[in-house]
């Protein structure tokens, strides 16, 4: 806060005064000045409305304030023609934003790569916030946050309450460890340990679904995979554990009751997929979930 200047017993108010949150009174304008305790008490009764938001300015006409002071019998305060009340604020810098985004990327990437640099591209500037507000959440805009140029949403919160959102765009440099196809793989072919190799490549080449650890040995290729392709989760599907025409065990569950009967699968399906089965006892067709080799479950 800018401290008021004094001349003998006269208090001269500055033209700009930083004020905290809440209601503002005339007493907030004088700070630690030479006004008497009685004047302070009288000035506390002069309400000037709510403080402006962090970093914002609200102007007060000097003549209006002088009339209020005279009415309260406060005479030893000199008021300028116009005062500007400035809402107390802190600054979240461009550096703070880049550090938050870098921390998010490093955590998301883990041990599967390295973030070399995160640089400002657009909308990465200092901005003012209420005291105590901090960047609480970083989320990418789009599915792949590791593109060479990526946008993020930053949520700034204070005491758990949302203050504002910002959408900076940054330039990212880094590298990642990925699985690369060594020899051509046909669609629906089971992938073996010798079909892929490990390479370190620039992050800008890596799809988000290729990062992290995931099972690929023994999985099936959804489509033909050419040599040099970076393998991602989207290229894989689980092998079926139930096959068309196979005898299966059907478990019918409802609440805590379970009944088992024999059935026949009418299609191939992997664990977690839905498949049509025929109850051999009744001949009815049922929709069931595959739980394991030869085992399906029907729920109401």
Protein backbone atom coordinates (compact mmCIF):
# COMPACT_ATOMS: atom_id res chain seq x y z
CA UNK A 1 0.00 0.00 0.00
CA UNK A 2 1.25 3.53 -0.81
CA UNK A 3 1.68 5.38 2.45
CA UNK A 4 0.03 8.81 2.68
CA UNK A 5 2.40 11.80 2.93
CA UNK A 6 2.04 14.17 5.85
CA UNK A 7 2.75 17.84 6.33
CA UNK A 8 2.55 18.90 9.95
CA UNK A 9 -0.97 17.89 11.03
CA UNK A 10 -2.31 17.77 7.47
CA UNK A 11 -2.68 14.39 5.73
CA UNK A 12 -2.30 14.49 1.93
CA UNK A 13 -3.84 11.51 0.20
CA UNK A 14 -1.98 10.05 -2.80
CA UNK A 15 -3.78 9.73 -6.12
CA UNK A 16 -3.41 5.93 -6.16
CA UNK A 17 -4.08 3.67 -3.18
CA UNK A 18 -3.86 -0.13 -3.04
CA UNK A 19 -6.70 -1.65 -1.03
CA UNK A 20 -7.39 -5.18 0.17
CA UNK A 21 -10.52 -7.23 -0.37
CA UNK A 22 -13.89 -6.45 1.14
CA UNK A 23 -15.56 -3.17 1.98
CA UNK A 24 -13.47 -0.01 1.75
CA UNK A 25 -13.85 2.92 4.16
CA UNK A 26 -12.20 6.33 4.18
CA UNK A 27 -9.93 5.07 6.99
CA UNK A 28 -8.36 2.61 4.54
CA UNK A 29 -7.07 5.55 2.53
CA UNK A 30 -4.87 7.14 5.18
CA UNK A 31 -2.81 4.14 6.33
CA UNK A 32 -0.38 4.91 9.13
CA UNK A 33 -0.71 8.69 9.08
CA UNK A 34 -0.92 11.56 11.49
CA UNK A 35 -4.69 11.67 11.76
CA UNK A 36 -6.04 11.42 15.25
CA UNK A 37 -7.70 8.32 16.64
CA UNK A 38 -10.99 10.22 16.65
CA UNK A 39 -10.62 11.04 12.96
CA UNK A 40 -9.87 7.41 12.19
CA UNK A 41 -13.03 6.28 13.95
CA UNK A 42 -15.11 8.84 12.09
CA UNK A 43 -13.52 7.86 8.78
CA UNK A 44 -14.32 4.22 9.45
CA UNK A 45 -17.98 5.19 9.28
CA UNK A 46 -17.56 6.54 5.72
CA UNK A 47 -18.19 3.61 3.39
CA UNK A 48 -16.74 3.72 -0.11
CA UNK A 49 -18.13 0.46 -1.48
CA UNK A 50 -16.39 -2.79 -2.31
CA UNK A 51 -12.72 -2.96 -3.19
CA UNK A 52 -11.99 -3.47 -6.90
CA UNK A 53 -10.95 -6.91 -8.09
CA UNK A 54 -7.28 -7.86 -8.06
CA UNK A 55 -5.32 -5.46 -10.25
CA UNK A 56 -8.44 -3.52 -11.24
CA UNK A 57 -8.98 0.21 -10.70
CA UNK A 58 -11.99 2.08 -9.34
CA UNK A 59 -12.00 5.88 -9.39
CA UNK A 60 -13.47 8.13 -6.71
CA UNK A 61 -14.25 11.79 -7.33
CA UNK A 62 -12.27 13.99 -4.94
CA UNK A 63 -15.05 16.52 -4.43
CA UNK A 64 -17.43 13.72 -3.44
CA UNK A 65 -14.96 12.38 -0.87
CA UNK A 66 -14.31 15.86 0.55
CA UNK A 67 -18.04 16.32 1.14
CA UNK A 68 -18.18 13.00 3.00
CA UNK A 69 -15.22 13.98 5.16
CA UNK A 70 -16.66 17.38 6.01
CA UNK A 71 -19.97 15.78 6.94
CA UNK A 72 -18.04 13.50 9.31
CA UNK A 73 -16.14 16.53 10.70
CA UNK A 74 -12.78 15.31 9.44
CA UNK A 75 -10.85 18.42 8.35
CA UNK A 76 -7.13 17.56 8.40
CA UNK A 77 -7.13 15.48 5.20
CA UNK A 78 -6.27 16.94 1.80
CA UNK A 79 -7.96 15.07 -1.06
CA UNK A 80 -6.80 15.17 -4.72
CA UNK A 81 -9.21 15.86 -7.56
CA UNK A 82 -9.50 12.14 -8.19
CA UNK A 83 -8.39 8.99 -6.37
CA UNK A 84 -7.76 5.59 -7.89
CA UNK A 85 -8.37 2.52 -5.74
CA UNK A 86 -6.33 -0.43 -6.98
CA UNK A 87 -7.29 -3.97 -5.93
CA UNK A 88 -4.45 -5.73 -4.13
CA UNK A 89 -3.04 -8.51 -6.29
CA UNK A 90 -0.25 -10.99 -6.92
CA UNK A 91 1.22 -11.96 -10.27
CA UNK A 92 1.33 -15.39 -11.89
CA UNK A 93 4.22 -14.98 -14.28
CA UNK A 94 4.86 -16.54 -17.66
CA UNK A 95 7.62 -18.52 -15.96
CA UNK A 96 5.12 -19.88 -13.40
CA UNK A 97 2.88 -21.09 -16.22
CA UNK A 98 5.72 -22.78 -18.11
CA UNK A 99 6.90 -24.50 -14.93
CA UNK A 100 3.39 -25.83 -14.22
CA UNK A 101 3.06 -27.19 -17.77
CA UNK A 102 6.54 -28.73 -17.65
CA UNK A 103 5.74 -30.46 -14.35
CA UNK A 104 2.54 -31.88 -15.85
CA UNK A 105 4.35 -33.18 -18.94
CA UNK A 106 7.14 -34.79 -16.92
CA UNK A 107 4.66 -36.53 -14.65
CA UNK A 108 2.58 -37.72 -17.61
CA UNK A 109 5.66 -38.97 -19.49
CA UNK A 110 7.26 -40.62 -16.47
CA UNK A 111 10.30 -42.76 -17.17
CA UNK A 112 9.34 -43.31 -20.80
CA UNK A 113 11.05 -40.20 -22.08
CA UNK A 114 12.50 -36.78 -21.38
CA UNK A 115 11.19 -33.22 -21.64
CA UNK A 116 14.04 -31.03 -22.91
CA UNK A 117 12.29 -27.66 -23.08
CA UNK A 118 8.90 -25.95 -22.88
CA UNK A 119 8.83 -22.47 -24.44
CA UNK A 120 6.14 -19.83 -24.74
CA UNK A 121 4.35 -19.51 -28.07
CA UNK A 122 1.04 -17.69 -27.57
CA UNK A 123 -0.98 -16.34 -24.64
CA UNK A 124 1.84 -16.90 -22.14
CA UNK A 125 2.00 -13.58 -20.30
CA UNK A 126 2.01 -12.37 -16.70
CA UNK A 127 -1.45 -11.83 -15.19
CA UNK A 128 -2.76 -10.58 -11.89
CA UNK A 129 -4.74 -12.67 -9.42
CA UNK A 130 -6.07 -12.20 -5.88
CA UNK A 131 -3.53 -12.82 -3.12
CA UNK A 132 -3.10 -16.54 -2.47
CA UNK A 133 -4.39 -17.69 -5.87
CA UNK A 134 -2.32 -20.40 -7.54
CA UNK A 135 -2.34 -22.65 -10.61
CA UNK A 136 -4.23 -25.69 -9.32
CA UNK A 137 -4.85 -27.77 -12.45
CA UNK A 138 -3.17 -28.26 -15.83
CA UNK A 139 -4.99 -30.17 -18.58
CA UNK A 140 -4.16 -30.49 -22.28
CA UNK A 141 -6.44 -29.14 -24.98
CA UNK A 142 -6.67 -32.15 -27.29
CA UNK A 143 -5.72 -35.80 -26.92
CA UNK A 144 -1.95 -35.52 -27.37
CA UNK A 145 -0.20 -33.05 -25.06
CA UNK A 146 3.24 -33.91 -26.48
CA UNK A 147 2.84 -32.34 -29.91
CA UNK A 148 5.55 -29.86 -30.89
CA UNK A 149 2.99 -27.07 -30.41
CA UNK A 150 0.34 -27.76 -27.80
CA UNK A 151 -2.31 -25.84 -25.92
CA UNK A 152 -3.23 -26.28 -22.26
CA UNK A 153 -5.95 -25.16 -19.89
CA UNK A 154 -4.74 -23.73 -16.61
CA UNK A 155 -7.19 -23.39 -13.72
CA UNK A 156 -6.26 -20.81 -11.09
CA UNK A 157 -7.92 -21.39 -7.73
CA UNK A 158 -7.96 -19.70 -4.37
CA UNK A 159 -9.22 -21.45 -1.25
CA UNK A 160 -10.64 -24.13 -3.52
CA UNK A 161 -12.67 -21.66 -5.58
CA UNK A 162 -12.06 -21.13 -9.29
CA UNK A 163 -10.64 -17.67 -9.99
CA UNK A 164 -9.98 -17.87 -13.72
CA UNK A 165 -8.86 -20.05 -16.61
CA UNK A 166 -6.01 -19.41 -19.03
CA UNK A 167 -5.20 -21.14 -22.32
CA UNK A 168 -1.47 -20.83 -23.08
CA UNK A 169 0.12 -22.39 -26.15
CA UNK A 170 3.67 -23.69 -25.87
CA UNK A 171 6.44 -25.27 -27.93
CA UNK A 172 7.66 -28.63 -26.61
CA UNK A 173 10.90 -30.44 -27.27
CA UNK A 174 11.64 -33.88 -25.92
CA UNK A 175 12.16 -37.52 -26.68
CA UNK A 176 10.42 -40.79 -25.83
CA UNK A 177 11.17 -44.48 -25.73
CA UNK A 178 8.77 -46.36 -28.01
CA UNK A 179 8.20 -49.74 -29.67
CA UNK A 180 8.85 -49.73 -33.43
CA UNK A 181 7.78 -52.41 -35.93
CA UNK A 182 10.84 -54.29 -37.23
CA UNK A 183 9.07 -56.51 -39.75
CA UNK A 184 5.72 -56.16 -41.48
CA UNK A 185 2.78 -57.48 -39.44
CA UNK A 186 -0.46 -58.55 -41.09
CA UNK A 187 -3.91 -57.61 -39.82
CA UNK A 188 -5.12 -60.02 -37.09
CA UNK A 189 -1.61 -61.48 -36.79
CA UNK A 190 -0.39 -62.31 -33.30
CA UNK A 191 2.58 -60.12 -32.38
CA UNK A 192 5.72 -61.83 -31.16
CA UNK A 193 8.68 -60.57 -29.16
CA UNK A 194 10.90 -60.39 -32.28
CA UNK A 195 8.42 -58.31 -34.29
CA UNK A 196 9.21 -55.04 -32.48
CA UNK A 197 12.25 -53.15 -31.28
CA UNK A 198 12.83 -50.21 -28.94
CA UNK A 199 13.89 -46.78 -30.17
CA UNK A 200 14.22 -43.26 -28.79
CA UNK A 201 12.47 -40.74 -31.05
CA UNK A 202 11.41 -37.06 -30.86
CA UNK A 203 8.20 -36.54 -28.91
CA UNK A 204 6.65 -34.74 -31.87
CA UNK A 205 6.54 -38.07 -33.75
CA UNK A 206 4.89 -40.03 -30.96
CA UNK A 207 1.10 -40.53 -30.68
CA UNK A 208 -0.16 -40.25 -27.11
CA UNK A 209 -1.39 -43.86 -27.15
CA UNK A 210 2.17 -45.07 -27.83
CA UNK A 211 3.49 -43.77 -24.51
CA UNK A 212 3.69 -45.73 -21.30
CA UNK A 213 3.85 -49.44 -20.70
CA UNK A 214 1.27 -51.71 -22.27
CA UNK A 215 1.06 -55.37 -23.23
CA UNK A 216 1.79 -56.15 -26.87
CA UNK A 217 3.38 -59.63 -27.00
CA UNK A 218 0.57 -62.07 -27.80
CA UNK A 219 -1.83 -59.31 -28.84
CA UNK A 220 -3.36 -59.14 -32.35
CA UNK A 221 -2.78 -56.36 -34.87
CA UNK A 222 -5.99 -54.53 -35.78
CA UNK A 223 -4.56 -53.64 -39.19
CA UNK A 224 -1.43 -54.17 -41.25
CA UNK A 225 1.59 -52.62 -39.50
CA UNK A 226 4.43 -51.54 -41.76
CA UNK A 227 8.13 -51.52 -40.89
CA UNK A 228 9.14 -48.41 -38.92
CA UNK A 229 5.68 -47.72 -37.52
CA UNK A 230 5.52 -46.63 -33.87
CA UNK A 231 3.24 -49.08 -32.10
CA UNK A 232 0.36 -47.64 -30.08
CA UNK A 233 -2.45 -49.13 -28.04
CA UNK A 234 -4.86 -48.30 -30.86
CA UNK A 235 -3.04 -50.79 -33.11
CA UNK A 236 -3.81 -53.74 -30.84
CA UNK A 237 -6.69 -55.94 -29.83
CA UNK A 238 -6.87 -58.80 -27.39
CA UNK A 239 -6.88 -62.35 -28.79
CA UNK A 240 -10.19 -64.18 -28.44
CA UNK A 241 -10.54 -66.63 -25.56
CA UNK A 242 -13.99 -67.74 -26.71
CA UNK A 243 -14.48 -69.03 -30.26
CA UNK A 244 -17.54 -69.49 -32.45
CA UNK A 245 -19.09 -72.93 -31.90
CA UNK A 246 -17.17 -73.50 -28.65
CA UNK A 247 -18.90 -74.98 -25.62
CA UNK A 248 -18.86 -72.40 -22.82
CA UNK A 249 -19.97 -72.20 -19.22
CA UNK A 250 -22.68 -69.57 -18.71
CA UNK A 251 -22.95 -67.95 -15.29
CA UNK A 252 -26.22 -66.15 -14.60
CA UNK A 253 -25.83 -63.67 -11.75
CA UNK A 254 -28.45 -61.65 -9.94
CA UNK A 255 -27.68 -60.05 -6.59
CA UNK A 256 -25.94 -62.79 -4.56
CA UNK A 257 -27.45 -65.69 -6.55
CA UNK A 258 -25.40 -67.45 -9.25
CA UNK A 259 -26.59 -70.21 -11.59
CA UNK A 260 -24.33 -72.05 -14.05
CA UNK A 261 -25.42 -73.77 -17.24
CA UNK A 262 -23.87 -74.97 -20.50
CA UNK A 263 -23.94 -72.90 -23.66
CA UNK A 264 -22.45 -72.39 -27.09
CA UNK A 265 -20.62 -69.26 -28.31
CA UNK A 266 -21.98 -67.85 -31.57
CA UNK A 267 -18.93 -65.63 -32.26
CA UNK A 268 -15.31 -65.09 -31.32
CA UNK A 269 -14.68 -62.70 -28.41
CA UNK A 270 -11.90 -61.54 -26.10
CA UNK A 271 -12.02 -60.97 -22.34
CA UNK A 272 -14.23 -57.98 -21.55
CA UNK A 273 -16.14 -58.15 -24.82
CA UNK A 274 -19.80 -58.95 -25.26
CA UNK A 275 -20.77 -62.08 -27.17
CA UNK A 276 -23.98 -63.87 -28.16
CA UNK A 277 -24.35 -67.37 -26.69
CA UNK A 278 -27.05 -70.02 -26.90
CA UNK A 279 -28.29 -71.73 -23.77
CA UNK A 280 -28.10 -75.43 -24.64
CA UNK A 281 -30.85 -76.34 -22.17
CA UNK A 282 -33.47 -73.84 -23.36
CA UNK A 283 -32.19 -72.92 -26.82
CA UNK A 284 -32.47 -69.22 -25.96
CA UNK A 285 -29.93 -66.71 -27.21
CA UNK A 286 -28.35 -64.50 -24.59
CA UNK A 287 -25.98 -61.55 -24.55
CA UNK A 288 -23.06 -62.32 -22.23
CA UNK A 289 -19.74 -60.82 -21.16
CA UNK A 290 -16.57 -62.86 -21.63
CA UNK A 291 -14.82 -63.33 -18.29
CA UNK A 292 -12.15 -65.87 -19.26
CA UNK A 293 -11.41 -68.86 -21.51
CA UNK A 294 -14.68 -70.72 -21.98
CA UNK A 295 -16.47 -68.60 -19.36
CA UNK A 296 -19.17 -65.99 -19.95
CA UNK A 297 -21.44 -64.10 -17.56
CA UNK A 298 -25.03 -62.95 -17.99
CA UNK A 299 -26.40 -60.21 -15.78
CA UNK A 300 -29.93 -58.79 -15.79
